[in-house]
Amino acid sequence: MSALNKQVGGSHYKDFSIQPVEFIQKNGLGFCEGNAIKYLCRWKEKGGIQDLQKAIHYVELLIEMETRRDFKKESQEIVRKIYENQSTQPVSGSDHGDRS
């Protein structure tokens, strides 16, 4: 028997024409996306409003993590550009700001 034909604790996933786990796996979705989909699919049959709140929570987590990742990526790009600019600047021999 396929694990997709068996569900522990109800039938709120098994009754779908395609189960959330199948959709999530076939589309290569991540943890937060998968959980949001799972809670959105089952809210009427299992957890009610709390499942909708859980779905929102996973979307908020995803936004926060992606925003940090974008910020980190942008910061790394800025540092790389600064480093590249410094390494292409000519070094000015003995001029250390001395004024004689």
N, C-alpha and C. Protein backbone atom coordinates (compact mmCIF):
# COMPACT_ATOMS: atom_id res chain seq x y z
N MET A 1 0.84 -1.17 0.00
CA MET A 1 0.00 0.00 0.00
C MET A 1 0.90 1.25 0.00
N SER A 2 0.58 2.19 -0.85
CA SER A 2 1.32 3.45 -0.93
C SER A 2 1.06 4.29 0.32
N ALA A 3 2.06 4.97 0.76
CA ALA A 3 1.91 5.87 1.91
C ALA A 3 0.90 6.98 1.62
N LEU A 4 0.70 7.31 0.34
CA LEU A 4 -0.28 8.33 -0.02
C LEU A 4 -1.72 7.84 0.17
N ASN A 5 -1.91 6.54 0.23
CA ASN A 5 -3.25 5.99 0.46
C ASN A 5 -3.57 5.85 1.94
N LYS A 6 -2.60 6.15 2.76
CA LYS A 6 -2.76 6.01 4.21
C LYS A 6 -2.58 7.38 4.83
N GLN A 7 -3.41 7.71 5.80
CA GLN A 7 -3.22 8.96 6.54
C GLN A 7 -3.47 8.70 8.01
N VAL A 8 -2.56 9.16 8.80
CA VAL A 8 -2.69 9.01 10.25
C VAL A 8 -3.42 10.24 10.78
N GLY A 9 -4.52 10.02 11.48
CA GLY A 9 -5.22 11.12 12.12
C GLY A 9 -6.24 11.85 11.26
N GLY A 10 -6.92 11.18 10.37
CA GLY A 10 -7.98 11.82 9.60
C GLY A 10 -7.86 11.55 8.12
N SER A 11 -8.68 12.28 7.35
CA SER A 11 -8.65 12.11 5.90
C SER A 11 -8.59 13.47 5.20
N HIS A 12 -8.20 14.50 5.93
CA HIS A 12 -8.22 15.86 5.39
C HIS A 12 -7.24 16.07 4.24
N TYR A 13 -6.25 15.21 4.06
CA TYR A 13 -5.36 15.29 2.89
C TYR A 13 -5.74 14.24 1.84
N LYS A 14 -6.06 13.07 2.31
CA LYS A 14 -6.33 11.93 1.43
C LYS A 14 -7.51 12.18 0.49
N ASP A 15 -8.43 13.03 0.88
CA ASP A 15 -9.62 13.29 0.08
C ASP A 15 -9.37 14.24 -1.10
N PHE A 16 -8.22 14.88 -1.15
CA PHE A 16 -7.90 15.77 -2.28
C PHE A 16 -7.55 14.94 -3.52
N SER A 17 -7.81 15.50 -4.70
CA SER A 17 -7.44 14.79 -5.94
C SER A 17 -5.93 14.70 -6.07
N ILE A 18 -5.22 15.70 -5.58
CA ILE A 18 -3.77 15.63 -5.44
C ILE A 18 -3.46 16.12 -4.03
N GLN A 19 -2.74 15.31 -3.29
CA GLN A 19 -2.44 15.67 -1.91
C GLN A 19 -1.41 16.80 -1.87
N PRO A 20 -1.47 17.64 -0.84
CA PRO A 20 -0.49 18.71 -0.73
C PRO A 20 0.96 18.23 -0.84
N VAL A 21 1.27 17.09 -0.22
CA VAL A 21 2.65 16.58 -0.26
C VAL A 21 3.07 16.26 -1.70
N GLU A 22 2.16 15.75 -2.51
CA GLU A 22 2.48 15.48 -3.91
C GLU A 22 2.78 16.78 -4.66
N PHE A 23 1.91 17.76 -4.46
CA PHE A 23 2.07 19.06 -5.12
C PHE A 23 3.39 19.71 -4.70
N ILE A 24 3.66 19.69 -3.41
CA ILE A 24 4.88 20.31 -2.86
C ILE A 24 6.12 19.63 -3.42
N GLN A 25 6.15 18.30 -3.41
CA GLN A 25 7.30 17.54 -3.91
C GLN A 25 7.51 17.74 -5.41
N LYS A 26 6.43 17.62 -6.19
CA LYS A 26 6.53 17.71 -7.64
C LYS A 26 6.96 19.10 -8.11
N ASN A 27 6.69 20.11 -7.28
CA ASN A 27 7.05 21.48 -7.65
C ASN A 27 8.30 21.99 -6.94
N GLY A 28 8.94 21.12 -6.18
CA GLY A 28 10.20 21.46 -5.52
C GLY A 28 10.10 22.64 -4.57
N LEU A 29 8.99 22.72 -3.86
CA LEU A 29 8.79 23.85 -2.95
C LEU A 29 9.55 23.64 -1.65
N GLY A 30 9.89 24.74 -1.02
CA GLY A 30 10.63 24.70 0.23
C GLY A 30 9.73 24.47 1.43
N PHE A 31 10.36 24.45 2.59
CA PHE A 31 9.67 24.16 3.85
C PHE A 31 8.54 25.13 4.13
N CYS A 32 8.81 26.43 4.07
CA CYS A 32 7.78 27.42 4.40
C CYS A 32 6.65 27.41 3.39
N GLU A 33 6.99 27.33 2.10
CA GLU A 33 5.94 27.28 1.07
C GLU A 33 5.07 26.03 1.27
N GLY A 34 5.72 24.91 1.52
CA GLY A 34 5.00 23.66 1.71
C GLY A 34 4.06 23.70 2.89
N ASN A 35 4.53 24.24 3.99
CA ASN A 35 3.66 24.31 5.17
C ASN A 35 2.50 25.27 4.95
N ALA A 36 2.74 26.39 4.29
CA ALA A 36 1.65 27.33 4.00
C ALA A 36 0.59 26.63 3.16
N ILE A 37 1.01 25.90 2.13
CA ILE A 37 0.06 25.17 1.27
C ILE A 37 -0.70 24.12 2.08
N LYS A 38 0.02 23.39 2.89
CA LYS A 38 -0.59 22.34 3.72
C LYS A 38 -1.71 22.93 4.58
N TYR A 39 -1.43 24.03 5.27
CA TYR A 39 -2.43 24.63 6.15
C TYR A 39 -3.58 25.25 5.37
N LEU A 40 -3.29 25.83 4.21
CA LEU A 40 -4.36 26.39 3.40
C LEU A 40 -5.29 25.31 2.87
N CYS A 41 -4.74 24.16 2.54
CA CYS A 41 -5.56 23.06 2.03
C CYS A 41 -6.46 22.44 3.10
N ARG A 42 -6.00 22.38 4.31
CA ARG A 42 -6.74 21.61 5.32
C ARG A 42 -7.60 22.45 6.25
N TRP A 43 -7.55 23.77 6.17
CA TRP A 43 -8.16 24.60 7.19
C TRP A 43 -9.65 24.34 7.40
N LYS A 44 -10.39 24.07 6.35
CA LYS A 44 -11.83 23.85 6.51
C LYS A 44 -12.14 22.51 7.18
N GLU A 45 -11.28 21.52 6.93
CA GLU A 45 -11.54 20.17 7.43
C GLU A 45 -10.87 19.86 8.76
N LYS A 46 -9.88 20.67 9.16
CA LYS A 46 -9.16 20.29 10.37
C LYS A 46 -9.02 21.43 11.37
N GLY A 47 -8.20 22.43 11.06
CA GLY A 47 -7.82 23.40 12.08
C GLY A 47 -8.54 24.74 12.08
N GLY A 48 -9.42 24.95 11.12
CA GLY A 48 -10.18 26.20 11.08
C GLY A 48 -9.28 27.43 10.95
N ILE A 49 -9.70 28.49 11.58
CA ILE A 49 -8.99 29.78 11.52
C ILE A 49 -7.54 29.65 11.97
N GLN A 50 -7.27 28.80 12.94
CA GLN A 50 -5.90 28.64 13.41
C GLN A 50 -4.99 28.13 12.29
N ASP A 51 -5.49 27.28 11.42
CA ASP A 51 -4.69 26.82 10.29
C ASP A 51 -4.41 27.97 9.32
N LEU A 52 -5.38 28.87 9.13
CA LEU A 52 -5.13 30.05 8.28
C LEU A 52 -4.06 30.93 8.91
N GLN A 53 -4.12 31.07 10.23
CA GLN A 53 -3.09 31.86 10.93
C GLN A 53 -1.73 31.21 10.80
N LYS A 54 -1.68 29.89 10.84
CA LYS A 54 -0.41 29.18 10.66
C LYS A 54 0.12 29.39 9.25
N ALA A 55 -0.76 29.35 8.25
CA ALA A 55 -0.34 29.60 6.87
C ALA A 55 0.25 31.00 6.75
N ILE A 56 -0.41 31.97 7.33
CA ILE A 56 0.10 33.35 7.31
C ILE A 56 1.47 33.42 7.99
N HIS A 57 1.61 32.73 9.10
CA HIS A 57 2.88 32.72 9.83
C HIS A 57 4.02 32.19 8.95
N TYR A 58 3.75 31.11 8.22
CA TYR A 58 4.80 30.57 7.34
C TYR A 58 5.12 31.51 6.19
N VAL A 59 4.13 32.22 5.68
CA VAL A 59 4.39 33.22 4.64
C VAL A 59 5.22 34.36 5.22
N GLU A 60 4.90 34.80 6.43
CA GLU A 60 5.69 35.85 7.08
C GLU A 60 7.13 35.40 7.32
N LEU A 61 7.31 34.16 7.75
CA LEU A 61 8.66 33.63 7.94
C LEU A 61 9.43 33.64 6.62
N LEU A 62 8.78 33.22 5.56
CA LEU A 62 9.42 33.19 4.25
C LEU A 62 9.82 34.59 3.81
N ILE A 63 8.92 35.55 3.98
CA ILE A 63 9.23 36.94 3.61
C ILE A 63 10.43 37.43 4.41
N GLU A 64 10.43 37.17 5.71
CA GLU A 64 11.53 37.63 6.57
C GLU A 64 12.86 36.99 6.14
N MET A 65 12.84 35.69 5.89
CA MET A 65 14.09 35.01 5.51
C MET A 65 14.57 35.47 4.14
N GLU A 66 13.66 35.64 3.20
CA GLU A 66 14.05 36.08 1.86
C GLU A 66 14.55 37.52 1.88
N THR A 67 13.94 38.36 2.71
CA THR A 67 14.37 39.74 2.83
C THR A 67 15.78 39.80 3.39
N ARG A 68 16.06 39.00 4.41
CA ARG A 68 17.41 38.94 4.98
C ARG A 68 18.40 38.42 3.95
N ARG A 69 18.01 37.40 3.20
CA ARG A 69 18.89 36.82 2.18
C ARG A 69 19.21 37.86 1.11
N ASP A 70 18.18 38.61 0.68
CA ASP A 70 18.41 39.66 -0.32
C ASP A 70 19.32 40.74 0.24
N PHE A 71 19.10 41.11 1.53
CA PHE A 71 19.95 42.12 2.16
C PHE A 71 21.38 41.63 2.24
N LYS A 72 21.56 40.38 2.63
CA LYS A 72 22.91 39.81 2.74
C LYS A 72 23.58 39.79 1.37
N LYS A 73 22.83 39.38 0.35
CA LYS A 73 23.38 39.31 -1.00
C LYS A 73 23.78 40.71 -1.48
N GLU A 74 22.92 41.71 -1.23
CA GLU A 74 23.23 43.08 -1.62
C GLU A 74 24.45 43.60 -0.87
N SER A 75 24.54 43.29 0.41
CA SER A 75 25.68 43.72 1.22
C SER A 75 26.97 43.12 0.69
N GLN A 76 26.93 41.84 0.35
CA GLN A 76 28.12 41.18 -0.18
C GLN A 76 28.54 41.79 -1.50
N GLU A 77 27.58 42.16 -2.32
CA GLU A 77 27.88 42.79 -3.61
C GLU A 77 28.53 44.16 -3.41
N ILE A 78 28.04 44.93 -2.44
CA ILE A 78 28.62 46.24 -2.14
C ILE A 78 30.06 46.08 -1.67
N VAL A 79 30.30 45.14 -0.76
CA VAL A 79 31.65 44.90 -0.24
C VAL A 79 32.57 44.47 -1.38
N ARG A 80 32.08 43.60 -2.27
CA ARG A 80 32.88 43.15 -3.41
C ARG A 80 33.26 44.33 -4.30
N LYS A 81 32.32 45.23 -4.56
CA LYS A 81 32.59 46.39 -5.41
C LYS A 81 33.61 47.33 -4.75
N ILE A 82 33.46 47.51 -3.45
CA ILE A 82 34.41 48.35 -2.72
C ILE A 82 35.81 47.74 -2.82
N TYR A 83 35.90 46.44 -2.60
CA TYR A 83 37.18 45.74 -2.67
C TYR A 83 37.79 45.86 -4.06
N GLU A 84 36.96 45.67 -5.09
CA GLU A 84 37.45 45.78 -6.46
C GLU A 84 37.96 47.20 -6.74
N ASN A 85 37.24 48.20 -6.28
CA ASN A 85 37.67 49.59 -6.49
C ASN A 85 38.97 49.88 -5.78
N GLN A 86 39.12 49.34 -4.58
CA GLN A 86 40.36 49.57 -3.83
C GLN A 86 41.54 48.89 -4.50
N SER A 87 41.32 47.70 -5.03
CA SER A 87 42.43 46.97 -5.62
C SER A 87 42.83 47.52 -6.99
N THR A 88 41.98 48.34 -7.59
CA THR A 88 42.33 48.93 -8.89
C THR A 88 42.87 50.35 -8.74
N GLN A 89 42.82 50.90 -7.53
CA GLN A 89 43.36 52.24 -7.28
C GLN A 89 44.89 52.16 -7.27
N PRO A 90 45.55 53.09 -7.93
CA PRO A 90 47.02 53.09 -7.89
C PRO A 90 47.51 53.42 -6.49
N VAL A 91 48.55 52.73 -6.08
CA VAL A 91 49.16 52.98 -4.79
C VAL A 91 50.14 54.12 -4.96
N SER A 92 50.03 55.12 -4.10
CA SER A 92 50.83 56.35 -4.29
C SER A 92 52.08 56.32 -3.42
N GLY A 93 53.04 55.53 -3.79
CA GLY A 93 54.38 55.46 -3.21
C GLY A 93 54.49 55.88 -1.77
N SER A 94 55.20 56.99 -1.52
CA SER A 94 55.51 57.40 -0.15
C SER A 94 54.62 58.51 0.35
N ASP A 95 53.62 58.88 -0.38
CA ASP A 95 52.73 59.95 0.05
C ASP A 95 51.78 59.43 1.12
N HIS A 96 52.09 59.77 2.36
CA HIS A 96 51.25 59.36 3.48
C HIS A 96 50.55 60.54 4.08
N GLY A 97 50.38 61.55 3.28
CA GLY A 97 49.71 62.73 3.79
C GLY A 97 50.66 63.71 4.42
N ASP A 98 51.98 63.48 4.33
CA ASP A 98 52.95 64.40 4.91
C ASP A 98 52.98 65.66 4.04
N ARG A 99 52.99 66.78 4.66
CA ARG A 99 53.12 68.05 3.92
C ARG A 99 54.35 68.75 4.42
N SER A 100 55.34 68.85 3.55
CA SER A 100 56.60 69.48 3.96
C SER A 100 56.79 70.78 3.24
